[in-house]
Protein backbone atom coordinates (compact mmCIF):
# COMPACT_ATOMS: atom_id res chain seq x y z
CA MET A 1 0.00 0.00 0.00
CA LYS A 2 1.16 3.46 -0.80
CA PRO A 3 1.83 5.27 2.49
CA PHE A 4 -0.21 8.27 3.58
CA ASP A 5 0.64 11.49 1.80
CA PHE A 6 0.92 13.12 5.19
CA LYS A 7 2.30 16.64 4.84
CA LEU A 8 2.61 17.82 8.40
CA HIS A 9 4.99 20.04 10.32
CA ALA A 10 4.63 18.77 13.88
CA THR A 11 6.70 18.03 16.90
CA ALA A 12 9.15 15.17 16.59
CA GLN A 13 7.07 13.21 19.08
CA ALA A 14 3.90 13.55 17.01
CA VAL A 15 5.63 12.50 13.78
CA THR A 16 7.19 9.50 15.48
CA LEU A 17 3.88 8.45 17.01
CA PHE A 18 2.16 8.71 13.64
CA SER A 19 4.83 6.63 11.91
CA VAL A 20 4.64 3.86 14.50
CA LEU A 21 0.88 3.64 14.30
CA MET A 22 0.88 3.65 10.51
CA CYS A 23 3.34 0.78 10.38
CA SER A 24 1.43 -1.16 13.00
CA HIS A 25 -1.81 -1.33 11.05
CA GLY A 26 -0.73 -0.73 7.47
CA ASN A 27 -1.72 -4.27 6.40
CA ALA A 28 -5.23 -3.82 7.72
CA TRP A 29 -5.62 -0.56 5.84
CA ALA A 30 -4.33 -2.23 2.65
CA GLN A 31 -7.01 -4.90 2.97
CA GLN A 32 -9.69 -2.26 3.57
CA LYS A 33 -8.50 -0.34 0.53
CA ALA A 34 -8.66 -3.41 -1.72
CA GLN A 35 -12.14 -4.28 -0.48
CA SER A 36 -13.37 -0.71 -0.90
CA MET A 37 -12.03 -0.47 -4.46
CA ASN A 38 -14.03 -3.57 -5.40
CA ALA A 39 -17.15 -2.07 -3.87
CA SER A 40 -16.69 1.49 -5.12
CA ALA A 41 -18.56 1.03 -8.39
CA ALA A 42 -21.58 -0.39 -6.60
CA GLU A 43 -21.49 2.43 -4.08
CA ALA A 44 -21.25 5.22 -6.67
CA GLY A 45 -23.66 8.05 -6.02
CA LYS A 46 -23.68 7.77 -2.23
CA TYR A 47 -23.07 10.85 -0.17
CA ASN A 48 -19.91 10.97 1.87
CA VAL A 49 -20.19 12.48 5.35
CA LEU A 50 -17.66 14.71 7.08
CA PHE A 51 -18.82 14.97 10.69
CA ILE A 52 -17.06 17.74 12.63
CA VAL A 53 -17.53 18.04 16.40
CA ALA A 54 -16.05 20.89 18.41
CA ASP A 55 -15.64 20.64 22.18
CA ASP A 56 -17.33 23.07 24.61
CA LEU A 57 -18.21 25.48 21.81
CA ASN A 58 -21.11 27.90 22.23
CA CYS A 59 -22.72 30.16 19.64
CA ASP A 60 -20.42 33.14 20.35
CA MET A 61 -18.97 33.07 16.84
CA GLY A 62 -19.07 35.22 13.75
CA CYS A 63 -20.97 32.45 11.98
CA PHE A 64 -23.69 32.69 14.67
CA ASP A 65 -24.14 35.46 17.24
CA ASP A 66 -20.93 37.39 17.84
CA PRO A 67 -19.25 39.25 14.94
CA ILE A 68 -16.17 39.87 17.10
CA VAL A 69 -15.25 36.17 17.00
CA LYS A 70 -13.64 35.48 13.64
CA THR A 71 -14.69 32.22 11.94
CA PRO A 72 -14.08 32.78 8.20
CA ASN A 73 -14.11 29.08 7.32
CA LEU A 74 -17.36 28.36 9.11
CA ASP A 75 -18.75 31.48 7.41
CA LYS A 76 -17.78 29.84 4.10
CA LEU A 77 -19.48 26.60 5.11
CA ARG A 78 -22.64 28.51 6.01
CA SER A 79 -23.01 29.76 2.44
CA ASN A 80 -23.73 26.18 1.33
CA ALA A 81 -25.60 25.08 4.42
CA VAL A 82 -28.51 25.57 6.79
CA ARG A 83 -27.65 27.15 10.12
CA PHE A 84 -29.92 25.98 12.94
CA ASN A 85 -30.32 28.97 15.25
CA ASN A 86 -32.25 27.15 17.95
CA ASN A 87 -30.63 23.75 18.33
CA TYR A 88 -30.34 22.35 21.86
CA CYS A 89 -28.31 19.56 23.42
CA GLN A 90 -29.95 16.98 25.67
CA TYR A 91 -27.36 17.28 28.44
CA PRO A 92 -24.86 20.16 28.79
CA PHE A 93 -21.93 17.91 29.65
CA SER A 94 -19.66 16.13 27.18
CA GLY A 95 -20.09 12.45 28.06
CA PRO A 96 -23.87 12.36 28.33
CA SER A 97 -24.41 14.68 25.35
CA ARG A 98 -22.18 12.75 22.97
CA ALA A 99 -23.60 9.40 24.05
CA SER A 100 -27.04 10.85 23.34
CA PHE A 101 -26.63 12.31 19.85
CA LEU A 102 -24.35 9.50 18.64
CA THR A 103 -26.87 6.82 19.65
CA GLY A 104 -29.97 8.88 18.91
CA TYR A 105 -31.30 8.28 22.41
CA LEU A 106 -32.16 10.55 25.33
CA PRO A 107 -29.79 10.42 28.34
CA GLU A 108 -32.64 8.71 30.22
CA HIS A 109 -32.36 5.97 27.59
CA THR A 110 -28.57 5.65 27.43
CA GLY A 111 -28.19 5.83 31.21
CA VAL A 112 -25.21 8.18 30.81
CA THR A 113 -25.37 11.18 33.16
CA ASP A 114 -21.67 11.54 33.99
CA LEU A 115 -18.23 11.08 32.45
CA VAL A 116 -17.78 7.51 33.71
CA ALA A 117 -20.78 5.53 32.45
CA ASN A 118 -20.66 3.68 29.12
CA PHE A 119 -23.86 3.54 27.08
CA ARG A 120 -23.03 -0.04 26.03
CA ASP A 121 -23.64 -1.16 29.62
CA ASN A 122 -27.25 0.05 29.41
CA VAL A 123 -28.11 -0.34 25.72
CA PRO A 124 -25.59 -2.94 24.47
CA ALA A 125 -27.47 -3.46 21.19
CA ALA A 126 -27.49 0.23 20.29
CA VAL A 127 -26.41 0.98 16.72
CA THR A 128 -24.51 4.25 16.81
CA LEU A 129 -24.61 6.78 14.00
CA PRO A 130 -21.16 5.88 12.60
CA GLU A 131 -21.87 2.19 13.15
CA LEU A 132 -24.98 2.45 10.98
CA PHE A 133 -22.87 3.92 8.18
CA LYS A 134 -20.33 1.12 8.67
CA LYS A 135 -23.10 -1.48 8.37
CA ASN A 136 -24.14 0.21 5.12
CA GLY A 137 -20.71 -0.29 3.56
CA TYR A 138 -19.03 2.98 4.42
CA PHE A 139 -15.46 3.45 5.55
CA THR A 140 -15.87 4.99 9.01
CA ALA A 141 -13.08 6.76 10.85
CA ARG A 142 -12.64 8.78 14.01
CA VAL A 143 -9.83 11.26 14.57
CA GLY A 144 -9.67 12.98 17.96
CA LYS A 145 -12.59 13.35 20.39
CA VAL A 146 -15.95 12.16 19.08
CA PHE A 147 -17.30 9.98 21.85
CA HIS A 148 -16.27 11.37 25.22
CA ALA A 149 -12.61 11.79 26.13
CA GLY A 150 -11.28 13.82 29.03
CA VAL A 151 -9.45 17.05 28.24
CA PRO A 152 -6.54 17.37 28.64
CA ASN A 153 -5.94 13.98 30.33
CA ASP A 154 -7.17 11.82 27.44
CA ILE A 155 -5.53 13.74 24.59
CA GLY A 156 -3.57 11.10 22.66
CA LYS A 157 -5.82 8.36 24.06
CA PRO A 158 -9.15 6.85 22.92
CA GLY A 159 -11.09 7.90 26.02
CA LYS A 160 -14.64 6.48 26.09
CA ASP A 161 -14.56 5.56 22.42
CA ASP A 162 -16.83 2.90 20.89
CA PRO A 163 -14.51 0.65 18.83
CA GLN A 164 -17.26 -1.19 16.96
CA SER A 165 -18.39 2.09 15.38
CA TRP A 166 -15.24 2.59 13.35
CA THR A 167 -13.17 1.06 10.60
CA ASP A 168 -10.18 3.03 11.86
CA THR A 169 -9.27 5.59 14.52
CA PHE A 170 -6.43 7.92 15.38
CA ASN A 171 -5.62 9.80 18.59
CA PRO A 172 -3.49 12.87 17.81
CA ILE A 173 -1.35 14.59 20.43
CA GLY A 174 0.47 17.93 20.25
CA ILE A 175 2.12 20.62 22.32
CA ASP A 176 -1.14 21.71 23.92
CA LYS A 177 -0.83 18.43 25.85
CA THR A 178 2.91 17.77 25.94
CA GLN A 179 3.67 21.30 27.17
CA GLU A 180 0.69 21.75 29.47
CA ASP A 181 3.03 22.57 32.36
CA ARG A 182 3.14 26.06 30.79
CA VAL A 183 -0.61 26.61 31.17
CA ILE A 184 -1.72 29.63 33.22
CA ASN A 185 -4.49 28.65 35.65
CA TYR A 186 -6.49 31.34 37.44
CA THR A 187 -8.49 28.72 39.35
CA PRO A 188 -5.78 26.41 40.75
CA GLN A 189 -8.35 24.73 42.99
CA ARG A 190 -9.81 23.15 39.83
CA HIS A 191 -8.20 20.63 37.47
CA LEU A 192 -7.15 21.95 34.05
CA GLY A 193 -10.12 20.50 32.20
CA SER A 194 -12.52 22.48 34.39
CA ALA A 195 -10.47 25.57 35.10
CA LEU A 196 -10.16 29.13 33.86
CA SER A 197 -6.84 28.30 32.25
CA PHE A 198 -5.07 29.07 28.99
CA MET A 199 -1.79 29.04 27.08
CA MET A 200 -0.51 31.20 24.23
CA THR A 201 2.06 29.30 22.16
CA GLU A 202 4.77 30.58 19.85
CA GLY A 203 4.74 27.55 17.55
CA SER A 204 2.87 26.87 14.33
CA ASP A 205 -0.65 25.46 14.05
CA ASP A 206 0.69 22.07 13.04
CA GLU A 207 2.30 21.47 16.41
CA HIS A 208 -1.12 21.39 18.07
CA THR A 209 -3.34 18.37 18.57
CA ASP A 210 -6.27 19.70 16.54
CA ALA A 211 -4.07 20.66 13.59
CA ILE A 212 -2.38 17.26 13.63
CA GLY A 213 -5.83 15.68 13.65
CA ALA A 214 -7.09 17.85 10.81
CA ASN A 215 -4.03 16.97 8.71
CA ILE A 216 -4.70 13.29 9.27
CA VAL A 217 -8.33 13.70 8.21
CA CYS A 218 -7.20 15.49 5.04
CA SER A 219 -5.00 12.50 4.22
CA MET A 220 -7.83 10.08 4.99
CA ILE A 221 -10.12 11.96 2.60
CA LYS A 222 -7.53 11.66 -0.16
CA GLU A 223 -6.90 7.99 0.60
CA HIS A 224 -10.58 7.03 0.62
CA LYS A 225 -12.04 9.39 -1.95
CA ASP A 226 -13.03 6.53 -4.26
CA GLU A 227 -15.36 4.91 -1.73
CA PRO A 228 -18.20 6.19 0.44
CA PHE A 229 -16.90 7.42 3.79
CA PHE A 230 -18.09 8.75 7.13
CA ILE A 231 -15.13 10.53 8.69
CA ALA A 232 -15.53 12.21 12.07
CA MET A 233 -13.10 14.92 13.15
CA GLY A 234 -13.38 15.60 16.87
CA PHE A 235 -11.66 18.84 17.84
CA TYR A 236 -10.51 19.32 21.44
CA ARG A 237 -10.77 23.10 21.29
CA PRO A 238 -12.04 25.40 22.58
CA HIS A 239 -12.28 23.17 25.70
CA SER A 240 -10.17 24.41 28.60
CA PRO A 241 -7.32 24.92 28.92
CA TYR A 242 -7.82 27.36 26.05
CA VAL A 243 -4.69 26.90 23.92
CA ALA A 244 -3.81 28.49 20.59
CA PRO A 245 -0.84 30.04 18.77
CA LYS A 246 -0.17 33.71 19.48
CA LYS A 247 -1.46 34.91 16.11
CA TYR A 248 -4.99 33.93 17.13
CA PHE A 249 -4.74 35.83 20.41
CA ASP A 250 -3.60 38.83 18.39
CA LEU A 251 -6.98 38.85 16.63
CA TYR A 252 -8.59 40.00 19.87
CA PRO A 253 -7.18 43.15 21.51
CA MET A 254 -8.02 43.23 25.20
CA GLU A 255 -10.07 46.41 24.80
CA GLN A 256 -12.54 44.43 22.67
CA ILE A 257 -13.17 41.84 25.36
CA THR A 258 -16.15 42.57 27.59
CA LEU A 259 -18.09 40.56 30.14
CA PRO A 260 -21.87 40.12 30.10
CA GLU A 261 -24.11 42.22 32.30
CA VAL A 262 -25.09 40.52 35.55
CA PRO A 263 -27.44 42.39 37.91
CA GLU A 264 -26.47 42.34 41.57
CA ASP A 265 -29.78 40.68 42.44
CA ASP A 266 -29.64 38.19 39.55
CA TRP A 267 -29.71 35.13 41.79
CA ASP A 268 -32.43 36.42 44.12
CA ASN A 269 -35.07 34.90 41.82
CA LYS A 270 -33.29 31.71 40.76
CA PRO A 271 -32.94 28.31 42.47
CA LEU A 272 -29.45 27.73 43.83
CA TYR A 273 -29.42 24.26 42.26
CA GLU A 274 -29.05 25.93 38.87
CA ARG A 275 -25.71 27.36 39.99
CA PHE A 276 -22.67 25.44 38.75
CA THR A 277 -20.11 28.18 39.43
CA ASP A 278 -19.85 28.68 43.19
CA PRO A 279 -18.75 31.27 44.14
CA LEU A 280 -19.84 33.27 41.14
CA ASN A 281 -17.02 33.76 38.63
CA TRP A 282 -15.09 31.45 40.97
CA GLY A 283 -13.93 34.58 42.71
CA VAL A 284 -11.63 35.54 39.82
CA PRO A 285 -11.25 39.34 39.25
CA GLU A 286 -12.63 40.95 36.11
CA ASP A 287 -9.31 41.63 34.39
CA LYS A 288 -8.34 37.96 34.56
CA LEU A 289 -11.80 36.87 33.42
CA ARG A 290 -11.37 39.00 30.33
CA GLU A 291 -8.00 37.36 29.63
CA VAL A 292 -9.66 33.96 29.86
CA LYS A 293 -12.46 34.98 27.52
CA ARG A 294 -9.91 36.27 25.01
CA ALA A 295 -8.16 32.90 25.11
CA TYR A 296 -11.47 31.11 24.50
CA TYR A 297 -12.05 33.28 21.43
CA ALA A 298 -8.50 32.62 20.19
CA SER A 299 -9.12 28.86 20.53
CA ILE A 300 -12.27 29.17 18.42
CA SER A 301 -10.44 30.97 15.62
CA PHE A 302 -7.64 28.38 15.73
CA MET A 303 -10.19 25.58 15.49
CA ASP A 304 -11.90 27.38 12.60
CA ALA A 305 -8.60 27.48 10.71
CA GLN A 306 -8.39 23.69 10.96
CA VAL A 307 -11.93 23.39 9.61
CA GLY A 308 -10.68 25.37 6.62
CA LYS A 309 -8.14 22.66 5.82
CA LEU A 310 -10.91 20.06 5.67
CA LEU A 311 -13.12 22.19 3.41
CA ASP A 312 -10.21 22.94 1.09
CA THR A 313 -9.32 19.25 0.80
CA LEU A 314 -12.86 18.30 -0.19
CA GLU A 315 -12.78 20.90 -2.93
CA GLU A 316 -9.29 19.96 -4.15
CA GLU A 317 -10.27 16.29 -4.37
CA GLY A 318 -13.51 17.01 -6.23
CA LEU A 319 -15.64 15.77 -3.34
CA ALA A 320 -17.44 18.96 -2.29
CA ASP A 321 -20.48 18.13 -4.41
CA LYS A 322 -20.91 14.65 -2.95
CA THR A 323 -20.07 15.18 0.71
CA ILE A 324 -22.48 16.13 3.48
CA ILE A 325 -20.82 18.29 6.11
CA VAL A 326 -22.10 18.49 9.66
CA PHE A 327 -20.53 20.97 12.06
CA CYS A 328 -21.64 20.90 15.68
CA SER A 329 -20.57 21.06 19.30
CA ASP A 330 -21.49 18.82 22.21
CA HIS A 331 -23.22 21.64 24.14
CA GLY A 332 -23.10 25.36 24.81
CA TYR A 333 -20.89 27.23 27.26
CA ASN A 334 -21.22 30.08 29.75
CA LEU A 335 -18.69 32.92 29.57
CA GLY A 336 -19.80 34.90 32.60
CA GLN A 337 -23.56 34.85 32.03
CA HIS A 338 -25.15 34.93 35.51
CA GLY A 339 -21.60 34.82 36.91
CA MET A 340 -21.35 31.29 35.52
CA TRP A 341 -18.57 29.64 33.49
CA MET A 342 -18.47 26.51 31.39
CA LYS A 343 -21.42 24.10 31.20
CA GLN A 344 -23.61 21.92 33.47
CA ALA A 345 -26.46 24.43 33.69
CA LEU A 346 -29.86 24.66 32.06
CA PHE A 347 -29.62 28.24 30.87
CA GLU A 348 -29.82 29.21 27.20
CA HIS A 349 -26.10 29.77 26.82
CA THR A 350 -25.23 26.23 27.96
CA THR A 351 -27.99 24.22 26.28
CA ARG A 352 -28.10 26.06 22.94
CA THR A 353 -25.63 24.33 20.64
CA PRO A 354 -24.21 25.33 17.25
CA LEU A 355 -25.29 23.18 14.32
CA ILE A 356 -24.63 23.72 10.61
CA ILE A 357 -25.54 21.10 7.98
CA ALA A 358 -24.57 21.27 4.32
CA VAL A 359 -26.11 18.79 1.87
CA PRO A 360 -25.07 19.07 -1.79
CA GLY A 361 -28.01 19.83 -4.06
CA ILE A 362 -30.31 20.72 -1.16
CA THR A 363 -29.01 23.39 1.22
CA ARG A 364 -27.06 25.88 -0.89
CA GLY A 365 -28.46 29.37 -0.38
CA LYS A 366 -31.09 28.22 2.13
CA GLY A 367 -29.60 30.33 4.94
CA GLN A 368 -30.95 29.69 8.42
CA THR A 369 -33.92 28.50 10.41
CA SER A 370 -35.12 29.42 13.88
CA ARG A 371 -37.25 26.32 14.37
CA VAL A 372 -36.57 24.65 17.73
CA ILE A 373 -34.69 21.38 17.21
CA GLU A 374 -32.46 18.99 19.19
CA MET A 375 -29.07 17.35 18.75
CA LEU A 376 -31.01 14.07 18.79
CA ASP A 377 -32.32 15.00 15.35
CA VAL A 378 -28.93 14.76 13.64
CA TYR A 379 -28.83 10.93 13.58
CA PRO A 380 -32.20 10.33 11.85
CA THR A 381 -31.47 13.22 9.47
CA LEU A 382 -28.26 11.72 8.14
CA ALA A 383 -29.80 8.25 7.99
CA GLU A 384 -32.67 9.53 5.86
CA VAL A 385 -30.66 11.81 3.58
CA CYS A 386 -28.16 9.04 2.88
CA GLY A 387 -30.85 6.40 2.41
CA LEU A 388 -29.34 4.03 4.97
CA THR A 389 -30.93 0.69 5.70
CA GLY A 390 -31.32 -0.77 9.17
CA THR A 391 -31.96 2.55 10.93
CA PRO A 392 -33.23 1.81 14.47
CA ARG A 393 -36.95 2.44 14.78
CA ASP A 394 -36.78 3.65 18.37
CA LEU A 395 -34.63 6.76 17.90
CA ASP A 396 -35.73 9.65 20.11
CA GLY A 397 -35.12 12.35 17.48
CA ARG A 398 -36.66 13.05 14.08
CA SER A 399 -35.30 13.90 10.65
CA LEU A 400 -34.55 17.53 9.83
CA LEU A 401 -34.83 16.93 6.09
CA PRO A 402 -38.02 19.06 5.79
CA LEU A 403 -36.11 22.04 7.25
CA LEU A 404 -33.07 21.39 5.07
CA LYS A 405 -35.35 21.65 2.03
CA ASP A 406 -37.44 24.54 3.34
CA THR A 407 -36.19 26.50 6.37
CA GLU A 408 -39.70 27.89 6.93
CA ALA A 409 -41.42 24.51 6.79
CA ARG A 410 -44.06 23.81 9.41
CA TRP A 411 -42.36 22.38 12.46
CA GLU A 412 -43.95 21.68 15.83
CA GLY A 413 -40.83 21.58 17.94
CA ALA A 414 -39.70 21.50 21.55
CA ALA A 415 -36.26 20.70 22.94
CA TYR A 416 -35.56 18.84 26.18
CA SER A 417 -32.41 19.11 28.28
CA GLN A 418 -31.40 17.82 31.68
CA VAL A 419 -28.48 17.88 34.09
CA LEU A 420 -27.83 16.07 37.36
CA ARG A 421 -26.47 18.34 40.06
CA VAL A 422 -24.25 16.37 42.44
CA ALA A 423 -22.82 17.73 45.69
CA ASN A 424 -19.10 18.44 45.64
CA PRO A 425 -16.77 20.61 47.74
CA SER A 426 -17.12 23.60 45.41
CA LEU A 427 -20.93 23.73 45.75
CA THR A 428 -21.33 25.24 49.20
CA TYR A 429 -25.12 25.27 49.08
CA MET A 430 -25.45 21.47 48.75
CA LYS A 431 -25.22 18.90 51.53
CA LYS A 432 -22.85 15.96 51.28
CA GLY A 433 -24.40 13.20 49.17
CA GLU A 434 -27.19 15.44 47.91
CA ARG A 435 -28.35 15.17 44.30
CA ALA A 436 -30.84 17.18 42.26
CA MET A 437 -32.04 16.42 38.75
CA GLY A 438 -32.87 19.43 36.61
CA ARG A 439 -35.07 19.03 33.54
CA SER A 440 -35.95 21.71 31.03
CA ILE A 441 -38.18 22.23 28.01
CA ARG A 442 -37.49 24.96 25.41
CA VAL A 443 -40.21 26.06 23.01
CA ASP A 444 -40.28 28.95 20.54
CA ARG A 445 -40.50 31.72 23.13
CA TYR A 446 -40.13 30.17 26.57
CA ARG A 447 -38.02 27.86 28.71
CA TYR A 448 -39.46 25.98 31.67
CA THR A 449 -37.17 24.17 34.13
CA GLU A 450 -37.76 22.06 37.24
CA TRP A 451 -35.29 20.89 39.86
CA ASP A 452 -36.35 17.58 41.39
CA GLU A 453 -39.76 18.03 39.74
CA GLY A 454 -40.11 21.45 41.36
CA ALA A 455 -39.37 20.36 44.92
CA LYS A 456 -36.08 22.28 44.75
CA GLY A 457 -37.33 25.18 42.67
CA GLY A 458 -38.06 26.03 39.09
CA GLU A 459 -37.57 28.56 36.32
CA LEU A 460 -39.64 30.11 33.55
CA TYR A 461 -38.14 32.61 31.11
CA ASP A 462 -39.68 34.64 28.28
CA TYR A 463 -36.90 35.11 25.72
CA GLU A 464 -38.83 37.67 23.69
CA ALA A 465 -39.11 40.02 26.66
CA ASP A 466 -36.10 38.84 28.67
CA PRO A 467 -33.34 37.34 26.46
CA ASN A 468 -30.78 37.43 29.30
CA GLU A 469 -32.91 35.43 31.76
CA PHE A 470 -32.94 38.08 34.45
CA ASN A 471 -36.63 37.70 35.35
CA ASN A 472 -37.73 34.27 36.55
CA LEU A 473 -41.49 33.93 36.02
CA TYR A 474 -41.84 30.60 37.82
CA ASN A 475 -45.05 30.49 39.87
CA ASN A 476 -46.00 33.96 38.64
CA PRO A 477 -49.85 33.98 38.65
CA LYS A 478 -49.95 35.73 35.26
CA TYR A 479 -48.24 32.71 33.71
CA LYS A 480 -50.12 29.98 35.57
CA ALA A 481 -51.71 28.48 32.44
CA LEU A 482 -48.48 28.56 30.44
CA GLN A 483 -46.50 27.00 33.28
CA ALA A 484 -49.06 24.22 33.63
CA GLU A 485 -48.91 23.53 29.88
CA LEU A 486 -45.11 23.38 29.77
CA ARG A 487 -44.97 21.32 32.95
CA ALA A 488 -47.32 18.75 31.42
CA LYS A 489 -45.20 18.49 28.27
CA LEU A 490 -42.00 18.15 30.31
CA HIS A 491 -43.40 15.38 32.48
CA ALA A 492 -44.92 13.57 29.53
CA LYS A 493 -41.52 13.47 27.84
CA TYR A 494 -39.68 11.91 30.74
CA GLU A 495 -42.45 9.62 31.95
């Protein structure tokens, strides 16, 4: 077999690791290549799928809400795609969210509500999204973090991967991991993967894990362009620690970085169980918070540059007109809203999740839709658009094909999210061993949330009148009928 045309400027360690792994399974890849060449004629006309998952990415991007954050390559993708403005994850935490949208099942179904559980222990017969493509004759590959993997501890490792979903996998590693002793951490009481921490590097893009991964995917696309493929690129950024080369930090002068408004009495009308960041802002002063936010933005622009490599490769190889591209994140992310940081909350900024889908011949020029949808809908959408056989009949989502064809199509939608709040030393308001399940429903205008079915409080927000969630309308007599209606829908979903 001809070796990978792998043009990469990386650290010596990364190049060595790649060479060892290539040699170790070169024979297997040769066999796959021979089999795929025999099948390629029969498979002609199938869509390829490039499935791109970012980590801890919210909608604060030029291609969505925030023109300050530069994402030129995602802007380019948008021109051929549908942007889903109101897409929501089922659980604002990596492990549960990824297990959900990759199996097509609610977290209640997968049994995954933390970073330890494996969905195969609860639904061993589940057919994952990539596995369904594999069963339909596609070459399926994972590079980086697709199923859950801890960051930064699992960089270079498979994490909670699902081996039976893939024909091949690769776990890149770069200086963002090997030089993590240089990371600045403003919350030393927290581990790096859940800390306000960052690093500005002097090296090139190609020394970083995500660039190494993107380069590998580019080579995979070239190697497998004559057969149908489902290739998943799982970026680790912008997950903390927020790491990027200096040139991306330079895009964001400090005077441009602001923090969201938070009224002094913001938490007077909200249940404490909604609070993930305790104390608020983790006690970090404003100037350092702005540095952290700048680093998060720099990480987004660095990740966007790697997306550009993938888009360019599809065009150069003549595959742009036969490849579906999905770009998404696992959940949203707070950047100071309500004094909160990161995820694990049921506010808009943590549950709302970026999603862009491009389907050749269908989505070009369609623009955007504000219909309320869920990450669960991605699986049945791809299965239908690609005409796959053997799609599980019990998926919890529904196909978005009507909205891909017509962004204003009739759509009766609601999105459901949940998070389990577990007592830990940083949550001073919770007793040892205490747990509280929060469940939320989002409809066109409102969000309704209950903690332990209301026993520990609730929330009701009107996003038309109160987009920043300052005014909790829960148990407000004027909204009694609406609250009862949303409560009934929420309970019906989970019962």
